[in-house]
C-alpha cells in the first residue's frame, strides 16, 4: 500500500503498533560477549608473586615532584625494591 501512495497512519503510529505486537526488534544477530572471569593470583610462598605501585610525591619547590616506585612481595607483603 505504501508503494501505491496509501498511508493509513503516520510512520510513528505504525512503529508503535508493531512494538505493541512484538514485531519491532533487531533482525540481526547481536554479539554476546562471554562472561569475564577476574584472574585470581595466589602466592603460596615468598618470591612467587610480586606487585608494584607508583606514587607521585610533592617536592620541596613549586612544580617539582618525586616518583616513588615500590615493588612488593604479595605473600610476605614486604618491600622488595
C-alpha atoms as a PDB file:
ATOM      1  CA  UNK A   1       0.000   0.000   0.000  1.00  0.00           C
ATOM      2  CA  UNK A   2       2.895   2.346   0.643  1.00  0.00           C
ATOM      3  CA  UNK A   3       4.134   1.836  -2.913  1.00  0.00           C
ATOM      4  CA  UNK A   4       0.685   2.860  -4.153  1.00  0.00           C
ATOM      5  CA  UNK A   5       0.789   6.014  -2.017  1.00  0.00           C
ATOM      6  CA  UNK A   6      -1.886   4.965   0.500  1.00  0.00           C
ATOM      7  CA  UNK A   7      -0.981   5.925   4.064  1.00  0.00           C
ATOM      8  CA  UNK A   8      -3.404   4.782   6.791  1.00  0.00           C
ATOM      9  CA  UNK A   9      -1.420   6.255   9.692  1.00  0.00           C
ATOM     10  CA  UNK A  10       1.824   8.053  10.459  1.00  0.00           C
ATOM     11  CA  UNK A  11       5.152   6.261  10.498  1.00  0.00           C
ATOM     12  CA  UNK A  12       5.474   6.686  14.275  1.00  0.00           C
ATOM     13  CA  UNK A  13       1.985   5.221  14.841  1.00  0.00           C
ATOM     14  CA  UNK A  14       2.904   2.196  12.710  1.00  0.00           C
ATOM     15  CA  UNK A  15       6.085   1.616  14.719  1.00  0.00           C
ATOM     16  CA  UNK A  16       4.103   1.959  17.960  1.00  0.00           C
ATOM     17  CA  UNK A  17       1.593  -0.696  16.783  1.00  0.00           C
ATOM     18  CA  UNK A  18       4.404  -3.013  15.672  1.00  0.00           C
ATOM     19  CA  UNK A  19       6.139  -2.645  19.045  1.00  0.00           C
ATOM     20  CA  UNK A  20       2.925  -3.480  20.957  1.00  0.00           C
ATOM     21  CA  UNK A  21       2.571  -6.662  18.890  1.00  0.00           C
ATOM     22  CA  UNK A  22       6.231  -7.599  19.441  1.00  0.00           C
ATOM     23  CA  UNK A  23       7.082  -7.254  15.755  1.00  0.00           C
ATOM     24  CA  UNK A  24       9.593  -4.426  16.028  1.00  0.00           C
ATOM     25  CA  UNK A  25      13.018  -5.743  17.024  1.00  0.00           C
ATOM     26  CA  UNK A  26      16.551  -6.052  15.737  1.00  0.00           C
ATOM     27  CA  UNK A  27      16.677  -8.677  12.998  1.00  0.00           C
ATOM     28  CA  UNK A  28      20.441  -9.127  13.007  1.00  0.00           C
ATOM     29  CA  UNK A  29      22.172 -11.468  15.438  1.00  0.00           C
ATOM     30  CA  UNK A  30      23.711  -9.478  18.256  1.00  0.00           C
ATOM     31  CA  UNK A  31      27.206 -10.263  19.519  1.00  0.00           C
ATOM     32  CA  UNK A  32      27.157 -11.637  23.063  1.00  0.00           C
ATOM     33  CA  UNK A  33      30.413 -11.322  24.950  1.00  0.00           C
ATOM     34  CA  UNK A  34      31.377 -14.258  27.159  1.00  0.00           C
ATOM     35  CA  UNK A  35      31.320 -13.501  30.889  1.00  0.00           C
ATOM     36  CA  UNK A  36      34.663 -12.149  32.070  1.00  0.00           C
ATOM     37  CA  UNK A  37      36.274 -14.007  34.944  1.00  0.00           C
ATOM     38  CA  UNK A  38      38.736 -11.997  37.004  1.00  0.00           C
ATOM     39  CA  UNK A  39      42.100 -13.779  37.322  1.00  0.00           C
ATOM     40  CA  UNK A  40      42.897 -14.860  40.862  1.00  0.00           C
ATOM     41  CA  UNK A  41      46.564 -14.690  41.760  1.00  0.00           C
ATOM     42  CA  UNK A  42      47.667 -16.799  44.703  1.00  0.00           C
ATOM     43  CA  UNK A  43      51.138 -16.910  46.230  1.00  0.00           C
ATOM     44  CA  UNK A  44      51.873 -19.885  48.495  1.00  0.00           C
ATOM     45  CA  UNK A  45      55.483 -18.938  49.265  1.00  0.00           C
ATOM     46  CA  UNK A  46      57.698 -15.841  49.189  1.00  0.00           C
ATOM     47  CA  UNK A  47      59.132 -14.639  45.861  1.00  0.00           C
ATOM     48  CA  UNK A  48      56.397 -16.238  43.723  1.00  0.00           C
ATOM     49  CA  UNK A  49      54.276 -13.182  43.009  1.00  0.00           C
ATOM     50  CA  UNK A  50      55.192  -9.509  43.018  1.00  0.00           C
ATOM     51  CA  UNK A  51      53.087  -6.392  42.707  1.00  0.00           C
ATOM     52  CA  UNK A  52      54.069  -2.774  42.086  1.00  0.00           C
ATOM     53  CA  UNK A  53      52.891   0.752  42.750  1.00  0.00           C
ATOM     54  CA  UNK A  54      53.948   4.240  41.671  1.00  0.00           C
ATOM     55  CA  UNK A  55      53.202   7.260  43.876  1.00  0.00           C
ATOM     56  CA  UNK A  56      53.774  10.909  42.961  1.00  0.00           C
ATOM     57  CA  UNK A  57      55.202  12.893  45.906  1.00  0.00           C
ATOM     58  CA  UNK A  58      55.378  16.679  46.110  1.00  0.00           C
ATOM     59  CA  UNK A  59      58.913  18.099  46.053  1.00  0.00           C
ATOM     60  CA  UNK A  60      60.432  20.914  48.120  1.00  0.00           C
ATOM     61  CA  UNK A  61      59.924  23.586  45.421  1.00  0.00           C
ATOM     62  CA  UNK A  62      56.820  24.508  43.480  1.00  0.00           C
ATOM     63  CA  UNK A  63      56.043  22.245  40.485  1.00  0.00           C
ATOM     64  CA  UNK A  64      58.641  19.643  41.482  1.00  0.00           C
ATOM     65  CA  UNK A  65      57.686  16.050  42.162  1.00  0.00           C
ATOM     66  CA  UNK A  66      59.337  12.785  43.115  1.00  0.00           C
ATOM     67  CA  UNK A  67      58.052   9.446  41.863  1.00  0.00           C
ATOM     68  CA  UNK A  68      58.177   6.618  44.401  1.00  0.00           C
ATOM     69  CA  UNK A  69      58.314   3.203  42.730  1.00  0.00           C
ATOM     70  CA  UNK A  70      57.653   0.243  45.037  1.00  0.00           C
ATOM     71  CA  UNK A  71      57.838  -3.495  44.295  1.00  0.00           C
ATOM     72  CA  UNK A  72      56.045  -5.665  46.854  1.00  0.00           C
ATOM     73  CA  UNK A  73      56.128  -9.398  47.542  1.00  0.00           C
ATOM     74  CA  UNK A  74      52.469 -10.420  47.709  1.00  0.00           C
ATOM     75  CA  UNK A  75      53.000 -13.376  50.072  1.00  0.00           C
ATOM     76  CA  UNK A  76      55.021 -11.615  52.775  1.00  0.00           C
ATOM     77  CA  UNK A  77      53.823  -8.073  51.915  1.00  0.00           C
ATOM     78  CA  UNK A  78      57.355  -6.785  52.232  1.00  0.00           C
ATOM     79  CA  UNK A  79      59.095  -4.249  50.000  1.00  0.00           C
ATOM     80  CA  UNK A  80      61.421  -5.939  47.515  1.00  0.00           C
ATOM     81  CA  UNK A  81      62.647  -2.904  45.618  1.00  0.00           C
END
